[in-house]
Amino acid sequence: MQKTLLAAAAATLLTTTAYAESHGDAKATELAAFQALFTDFSEEGVRATIAEDFTQHNPMVSDGRDALIGLLPGLQASGIA
């Protein structure tokens, strides 16, 4: 589970960067995405910072923003924050 979460984090960073570059301040968007995923476990935050059609490079996690949203309960339960 921990390896899956770390791989998801790395892939999210890469994809969020591409989204941010087309939507303004990349660093601020990346930080907001990580905050939403790994600190706040916020569906609203993920929706605001991750592209709906992002490509996940971890074969254990499906593509798309909704797949990340589906990971939120497990991330929160893992004590990752």
C-alpha atoms as a PDB file:
ATOM      1  CA  MET A   1       0.000   0.000   0.000  1.00  0.00           C
ATOM      2  CA  GLN A   2       2.778   2.454   0.914  1.00  0.00           C
ATOM      3  CA  LYS A   3       4.553   1.882  -2.435  1.00  0.00           C
ATOM      4  CA  THR A   4       1.284   2.442  -4.287  1.00  0.00           C
ATOM      5  CA  LEU A   5       0.703   5.706  -2.429  1.00  0.00           C
ATOM      6  CA  LEU A   6       4.219   6.976  -3.120  1.00  0.00           C
ATOM      7  CA  ALA A   7       3.962   6.086  -6.799  1.00  0.00           C
ATOM      8  CA  ALA A   8       0.590   7.806  -6.971  1.00  0.00           C
ATOM      9  CA  ALA A   9       2.150  10.894  -5.401  1.00  0.00           C
ATOM     10  CA  ALA A  10       4.980  11.005  -7.934  1.00  0.00           C
ATOM     11  CA  ALA A  11       2.652  10.546 -10.895  1.00  0.00           C
ATOM     12  CA  THR A  12       0.284  13.147  -9.496  1.00  0.00           C
ATOM     13  CA  LEU A  13       3.108  15.667  -9.254  1.00  0.00           C
ATOM     14  CA  LEU A  14       4.046  15.164 -12.905  1.00  0.00           C
ATOM     15  CA  THR A  15       0.482  15.395 -14.141  1.00  0.00           C
ATOM     16  CA  THR A  16      -0.423  18.303 -11.893  1.00  0.00           C
ATOM     17  CA  THR A  17       2.562  20.218 -13.261  1.00  0.00           C
ATOM     18  CA  ALA A  18       1.231  19.902 -16.808  1.00  0.00           C
ATOM     19  CA  TYR A  19      -2.235  21.014 -15.678  1.00  0.00           C
ATOM     20  CA  ALA A  20      -0.824  23.914 -13.681  1.00  0.00           C
ATOM     21  CA  GLU A  21       1.294  25.166 -16.555  1.00  0.00           C
ATOM     22  CA  SER A  22      -1.842  25.627 -18.605  1.00  0.00           C
ATOM     23  CA  HIS A  23      -3.791  27.122 -15.685  1.00  0.00           C
ATOM     24  CA  GLY A  24      -1.426  29.622 -14.049  1.00  0.00           C
ATOM     25  CA  ASP A  25       1.084  29.315 -11.241  1.00  0.00           C
ATOM     26  CA  ALA A  26       2.465  25.767 -11.429  1.00  0.00           C
ATOM     27  CA  LYS A  27       4.144  25.712  -8.018  1.00  0.00           C
ATOM     28  CA  ALA A  28       1.072  26.994  -6.184  1.00  0.00           C
ATOM     29  CA  THR A  29      -1.145  24.457  -7.959  1.00  0.00           C
ATOM     30  CA  GLU A  30       1.237  21.587  -7.190  1.00  0.00           C
ATOM     31  CA  LEU A  31       1.383  22.537  -3.537  1.00  0.00           C
ATOM     32  CA  ALA A  32      -2.417  22.824  -3.389  1.00  0.00           C
ATOM     33  CA  ALA A  33      -2.778  19.385  -5.009  1.00  0.00           C
ATOM     34  CA  PHE A  34      -0.441  17.759  -2.495  1.00  0.00           C
ATOM     35  CA  GLN A  35      -2.204  19.552   0.348  1.00  0.00           C
ATOM     36  CA  ALA A  36      -5.565  18.279  -0.907  1.00  0.00           C
ATOM     37  CA  LEU A  37      -4.349  14.695  -1.362  1.00  0.00           C
ATOM     38  CA  PHE A  38      -1.978  14.082   1.509  1.00  0.00           C
ATOM     39  CA  THR A  39      -2.941  16.512   4.269  1.00  0.00           C
ATOM     40  CA  ASP A  40      -6.578  17.526   3.873  1.00  0.00           C
ATOM     41  CA  PHE A  41      -7.807  14.405   2.016  1.00  0.00           C
ATOM     42  CA  SER A  42     -10.133  16.821   0.236  1.00  0.00           C
ATOM     43  CA  GLU A  43     -12.237  15.781  -2.734  1.00  0.00           C
ATOM     44  CA  GLU A  44     -12.976  19.438  -3.458  1.00  0.00           C
ATOM     45  CA  GLY A  45      -9.253  20.257  -3.420  1.00  0.00           C
ATOM     46  CA  VAL A  46      -8.446  17.380  -5.768  1.00  0.00           C
ATOM     47  CA  ARG A  47     -11.187  18.498  -8.163  1.00  0.00           C
ATOM     48  CA  ALA A  48      -9.778  22.044  -8.129  1.00  0.00           C
ATOM     49  CA  THR A  49      -6.155  21.057  -8.813  1.00  0.00           C
ATOM     50  CA  ILE A  50      -6.046  17.803 -10.795  1.00  0.00           C
ATOM     51  CA  ALA A  51      -7.103  17.542 -14.436  1.00  0.00           C
ATOM     52  CA  GLU A  52     -10.124  15.292 -14.949  1.00  0.00           C
ATOM     53  CA  ASP A  53      -8.337  13.239 -17.599  1.00  0.00           C
ATOM     54  CA  PHE A  54      -4.857  13.052 -16.089  1.00  0.00           C
ATOM     55  CA  THR A  55      -2.755  10.001 -16.943  1.00  0.00           C
ATOM     56  CA  GLN A  56      -1.664   7.916 -13.986  1.00  0.00           C
ATOM     57  CA  HIS A  57       1.674   6.185 -14.535  1.00  0.00           C
ATOM     58  CA  ASN A  58       1.254   3.758 -11.669  1.00  0.00           C
ATOM     59  CA  PRO A  59      -0.290   0.546 -13.053  1.00  0.00           C
ATOM     60  CA  MET A  60      -1.914  -0.084  -9.642  1.00  0.00           C
ATOM     61  CA  VAL A  61      -4.007   3.109  -9.909  1.00  0.00           C
ATOM     62  CA  SER A  62      -6.477   3.941 -12.675  1.00  0.00           C
ATOM     63  CA  ASP A  63      -6.198   7.035 -14.843  1.00  0.00           C
ATOM     64  CA  GLY A  64      -8.206  10.146 -14.083  1.00  0.00           C
ATOM     65  CA  ARG A  65      -9.013  12.468 -11.231  1.00  0.00           C
ATOM     66  CA  ASP A  66     -11.819  10.249  -9.931  1.00  0.00           C
ATOM     67  CA  ALA A  67      -9.324   7.436  -9.310  1.00  0.00           C
ATOM     68  CA  LEU A  68      -7.353   9.739  -7.004  1.00  0.00           C
ATOM     69  CA  ILE A  69     -10.523  10.766  -5.247  1.00  0.00           C
ATOM     70  CA  GLY A  70     -11.188   7.083  -4.690  1.00  0.00           C
ATOM     71  CA  LEU A  71      -7.811   6.802  -2.922  1.00  0.00           C
ATOM     72  CA  LEU A  72      -8.595   9.538  -0.380  1.00  0.00           C
ATOM     73  CA  PRO A  73     -10.138   7.279   2.295  1.00  0.00           C
ATOM     74  CA  GLY A  74      -7.154   4.894   2.109  1.00  0.00           C
ATOM     75  CA  LEU A  75      -4.675   7.757   2.216  1.00  0.00           C
ATOM     76  CA  GLN A  76      -6.370   9.193   5.273  1.00  0.00           C
ATOM     77  CA  ALA A  77      -6.512   5.788   7.005  1.00  0.00           C
ATOM     78  CA  SER A  78      -2.837   5.126   6.233  1.00  0.00           C
ATOM     79  CA  GLY A  79      -1.665   7.956   8.465  1.00  0.00           C
ATOM     80  CA  ILE A  80       0.392   9.377   5.599  1.00  0.00           C
ATOM     81  CA  ALA A  81      -0.100  12.986   6.739  1.00  0.00           C
END
